Amino acid sequence: MTTTDSTGTASAPDHTLARRVTDVLQPRNLLLVGMLGIGLAAAGEWTGLLWGLLGALCAGIVPAGYIEWERGRGTWGDRHVVDRTKRAPIFFVILGSIGAGSAVMVLGGAPTGILAAMLALWAMTVVLLAVNTVWKISVDASVASAVVALLAAVHSPWWLLGYAMAAAVSWSRVALGYHTVGQVTAGTALGAATAGAFLFV
């Protein structure tokens, strides 16, 4: 919303709500909750939570830690890394981390569902990396959409109501000026496609 100062001059829009939404619903947080839910459904018992935690660690927490480490070194200004040309290293870290986690799951006999989710996220990251070379597709929208789609695939179609949350993430990214409507729409579509992995499970 645009505010007016005491002189009657229009000032910059207040993006407090958008900032809060994008910070709370950032990929790391959504993947933590989502992968725990996917692991639980895949195993059908509490041990699935451990596999889900491994998935969240590799897909979300390790990459987030890498971003924070680079921020500390002064490589990037904040976790959003708004400059598209500087994002490639992040994608390679994600690919390596998810790949390593998937290998551990294979060796450890993880439930098929959680492994399928990991491989789907790995494939999604490959596409994000490829598209990012020419266009700033929204990673946050992709992850939010993927988490909802994967939970719907392993639990119930009712989880598709979670797209209201994904829409909030997309709105916040546009409101903050990080992405266009087209970029968040493309990210959402790509995230939804990750659930297609379960057609082969």
Protein backbone atom coordinates (compact mmCIF):
# COMPACT_ATOMS: atom_id res chain seq x y z
CA MET A 1 0.00 0.00 0.00
CA THR A 2 1.23 3.53 -0.81
CA THR A 3 1.40 5.95 2.11
CA THR A 4 1.50 9.76 2.21
CA ASP A 5 3.87 11.76 4.42
CA SER A 6 3.01 14.94 6.38
CA THR A 7 3.62 17.14 3.33
CA GLY A 8 1.11 15.19 1.27
CA THR A 9 3.79 13.61 -0.91
CA ALA A 10 3.34 9.96 -1.84
CA SER A 11 6.02 7.74 -0.32
CA ALA A 12 7.15 4.21 -1.17
CA PRO A 13 4.72 1.33 -0.68
CA ASP A 14 4.80 -0.43 2.69
CA HIS A 15 6.08 -3.95 1.99
CA THR A 16 6.13 -5.14 5.62
CA LEU A 17 3.55 -7.88 5.04
CA ALA A 18 5.17 -9.06 1.82
CA ARG A 19 8.56 -9.20 3.53
CA ARG A 20 7.11 -11.20 6.40
CA VAL A 21 5.41 -13.66 4.05
CA THR A 22 8.51 -14.22 1.94
CA ASP A 23 10.70 -14.71 5.03
CA VAL A 24 8.37 -17.08 6.90
CA LEU A 25 7.51 -19.12 3.81
CA GLN A 26 11.04 -19.27 2.44
CA PRO A 27 12.17 -22.56 0.79
CA ARG A 28 14.12 -23.79 3.81
CA ASN A 29 11.08 -23.62 6.08
CA LEU A 30 8.64 -25.10 3.58
CA LEU A 31 10.98 -27.97 2.74
CA LEU A 32 11.46 -28.78 6.41
CA VAL A 33 7.73 -29.15 6.97
CA GLY A 34 7.03 -30.69 3.57
CA MET A 35 9.74 -33.34 3.60
CA LEU A 36 8.79 -34.44 7.10
CA GLY A 37 5.21 -34.92 5.88
CA ILE A 38 6.32 -36.77 2.76
CA GLY A 39 8.63 -39.04 4.75
CA LEU A 40 5.89 -39.88 7.22
CA ALA A 41 3.47 -40.76 4.45
CA ALA A 42 6.06 -42.76 2.51
CA ALA A 43 7.02 -44.92 5.48
CA GLY A 44 3.62 -45.10 7.11
CA GLU A 45 5.25 -44.80 10.52
CA TRP A 46 7.38 -42.47 12.62
CA THR A 47 10.66 -43.67 11.10
CA GLY A 48 9.63 -41.80 7.96
CA LEU A 49 10.22 -38.58 9.86
CA LEU A 50 13.93 -39.39 9.98
CA TRP A 51 14.06 -39.86 6.22
CA GLY A 52 12.07 -36.67 5.82
CA LEU A 53 14.51 -34.82 8.05
CA LEU A 54 17.39 -36.05 5.88
CA GLY A 55 15.52 -34.82 2.82
CA ALA A 56 14.89 -31.43 4.39
CA LEU A 57 18.53 -31.17 5.43
CA CYS A 58 19.81 -31.87 1.91
CA ALA A 59 17.17 -29.98 -0.09
CA GLY A 60 16.69 -26.95 2.12
CA ILE A 61 18.90 -26.53 5.16
CA VAL A 62 22.32 -27.19 3.58
CA PRO A 63 21.64 -24.79 0.65
CA ALA A 64 20.34 -22.15 3.08
CA GLY A 65 23.46 -22.59 5.17
CA TYR A 66 25.62 -22.12 2.09
CA ILE A 67 23.80 -18.90 1.23
CA GLU A 68 24.32 -17.59 4.76
CA TRP A 69 28.00 -18.51 4.60
CA GLU A 70 28.44 -16.62 1.34
CA ARG A 71 26.54 -13.66 2.78
CA GLY A 72 28.98 -13.61 5.67
CA ARG A 73 31.82 -13.42 3.16
CA GLY A 74 30.12 -10.49 1.46
CA THR A 75 29.34 -12.36 -1.75
CA TRP A 76 25.64 -11.48 -1.65
CA GLY A 77 23.64 -8.80 0.09
CA ASP A 78 20.87 -11.08 1.38
CA ARG A 79 19.46 -14.59 1.02
CA HIS A 80 17.36 -13.63 -2.01
CA VAL A 81 20.39 -13.21 -4.30
CA VAL A 82 18.43 -10.91 -6.60
CA ASP A 83 21.16 -10.89 -9.26
CA ARG A 84 20.31 -13.82 -11.53
CA THR A 85 23.88 -14.11 -12.80
CA LYS A 86 25.17 -14.95 -9.31
CA ARG A 87 22.76 -17.81 -8.61
CA ALA A 88 24.49 -20.69 -10.43
CA PRO A 89 26.69 -21.75 -7.47
CA ILE A 90 23.59 -22.11 -5.30
CA PHE A 91 21.97 -24.47 -7.78
CA PHE A 92 25.11 -26.60 -7.95
CA VAL A 93 25.20 -26.85 -4.15
CA ILE A 94 21.55 -27.90 -4.14
CA LEU A 95 22.16 -30.52 -6.83
CA GLY A 96 25.15 -31.92 -4.97
CA SER A 97 23.37 -31.93 -1.63
CA ILE A 98 20.19 -33.57 -2.92
CA GLY A 99 22.27 -36.05 -4.90
CA ALA A 100 24.25 -37.03 -1.81
CA GLY A 101 21.08 -37.35 0.25
CA SER A 102 19.46 -39.50 -2.42
CA ALA A 103 22.49 -41.79 -2.45
CA VAL A 104 22.23 -42.22 1.33
CA MET A 105 18.53 -43.02 0.94
CA VAL A 106 19.24 -45.67 -1.67
CA LEU A 107 21.93 -47.28 0.47
CA GLY A 108 19.78 -47.06 3.57
CA GLY A 109 16.67 -48.53 1.99
CA ALA A 110 14.52 -45.43 2.34
CA PRO A 111 10.83 -45.65 1.41
CA THR A 112 10.21 -45.20 -2.31
CA GLY A 113 8.02 -42.13 -1.82
CA ILE A 114 10.64 -39.99 -0.10
CA LEU A 115 13.29 -41.02 -2.62
CA ALA A 116 10.95 -40.13 -5.49
CA ALA A 117 10.37 -36.71 -3.91
CA MET A 118 14.12 -36.14 -3.64
CA LEU A 119 14.72 -37.08 -7.26
CA ALA A 120 11.82 -34.87 -8.35
CA LEU A 121 13.34 -31.92 -6.49
CA TRP A 122 16.72 -32.70 -8.07
CA ALA A 123 15.16 -32.66 -11.56
CA MET A 124 13.33 -29.42 -10.73
CA THR A 125 16.62 -27.84 -9.72
CA VAL A 126 18.20 -28.86 -13.03
CA VAL A 127 15.41 -27.03 -14.86
CA LEU A 128 15.75 -24.00 -12.57
CA LEU A 129 19.47 -23.87 -13.30
CA ALA A 130 18.93 -24.11 -17.04
CA VAL A 131 16.21 -21.46 -17.14
CA ASN A 132 18.14 -19.17 -14.80
CA THR A 133 20.89 -18.80 -17.39
CA VAL A 134 18.54 -16.69 -19.49
CA TRP A 135 15.58 -15.73 -17.28
CA LYS A 136 14.99 -15.12 -13.57
CA ILE A 137 12.40 -17.81 -12.81
CA SER A 138 11.19 -17.76 -9.20
CA VAL A 139 12.79 -20.41 -6.98
CA ASP A 140 10.59 -19.52 -4.01
CA ALA A 141 7.43 -20.02 -6.08
CA SER A 142 8.77 -23.29 -7.46
CA VAL A 143 9.54 -24.70 -4.02
CA ALA A 144 6.23 -23.59 -2.50
CA SER A 145 4.33 -25.17 -5.37
CA ALA A 146 6.42 -28.36 -5.30
CA VAL A 147 5.87 -28.88 -1.58
CA VAL A 148 2.10 -28.58 -1.96
CA ALA A 149 2.01 -30.81 -5.04
CA LEU A 150 4.18 -33.51 -3.44
CA LEU A 151 2.13 -33.52 -0.23
CA ALA A 152 -1.04 -33.86 -2.30
CA ALA A 153 0.52 -36.77 -4.19
CA VAL A 154 1.50 -38.73 -1.07
CA HIS A 155 -1.30 -37.76 1.30
CA SER A 156 -4.54 -36.43 -0.17
CA PRO A 157 -5.79 -34.09 -2.90
CA TRP A 158 -7.03 -31.88 -0.06
CA TRP A 159 -3.44 -30.68 0.26
CA LEU A 160 -3.99 -28.80 -3.00
CA LEU A 161 -5.72 -26.17 -0.85
CA GLY A 162 -2.17 -25.32 0.15
CA TYR A 163 -1.85 -23.50 -3.14
CA ALA A 164 -3.35 -20.54 -1.29
CA MET A 165 -0.03 -20.46 0.58
CA ALA A 166 1.90 -20.83 -2.68
CA ALA A 167 -0.10 -17.92 -4.10
CA ALA A 168 0.86 -15.82 -1.06
CA VAL A 169 4.53 -16.59 -1.72
CA SER A 170 4.17 -15.56 -5.36
CA TRP A 171 2.38 -12.35 -4.40
CA SER A 172 5.12 -11.44 -1.94
CA ARG A 173 7.87 -11.97 -4.52
CA VAL A 174 6.12 -9.69 -7.00
CA ALA A 175 5.24 -7.08 -4.35
CA LEU A 176 8.87 -6.89 -3.26
CA GLY A 177 10.00 -6.41 -6.84
CA TYR A 178 12.06 -9.61 -6.97
CA HIS A 179 10.04 -11.18 -9.79
CA THR A 180 7.41 -10.49 -12.40
CA VAL A 181 4.03 -12.21 -12.54
CA GLY A 182 5.33 -14.32 -15.42
CA GLN A 183 8.35 -15.49 -13.43
CA VAL A 184 6.34 -16.61 -10.41
CA THR A 185 3.74 -18.25 -12.65
CA ALA A 186 6.46 -20.23 -14.43
CA GLY A 187 7.98 -21.20 -11.10
CA THR A 188 4.61 -22.37 -9.78
CA ALA A 189 4.01 -24.48 -12.87
CA LEU A 190 7.44 -26.08 -12.62
CA GLY A 191 6.91 -26.87 -8.95
CA ALA A 192 3.55 -28.48 -9.66
CA ALA A 193 5.18 -30.69 -12.29
CA THR A 194 7.40 -32.30 -9.65
CA ALA A 195 4.45 -34.34 -8.42
CA GLY A 196 4.56 -36.12 -11.77
CA ALA A 197 7.40 -38.21 -10.33
CA PHE A 198 4.81 -40.20 -8.43
CA LEU A 199 3.25 -41.39 -11.67
CA PHE A 200 6.25 -43.71 -11.92
CA VAL A 201 6.29 -44.92 -8.29
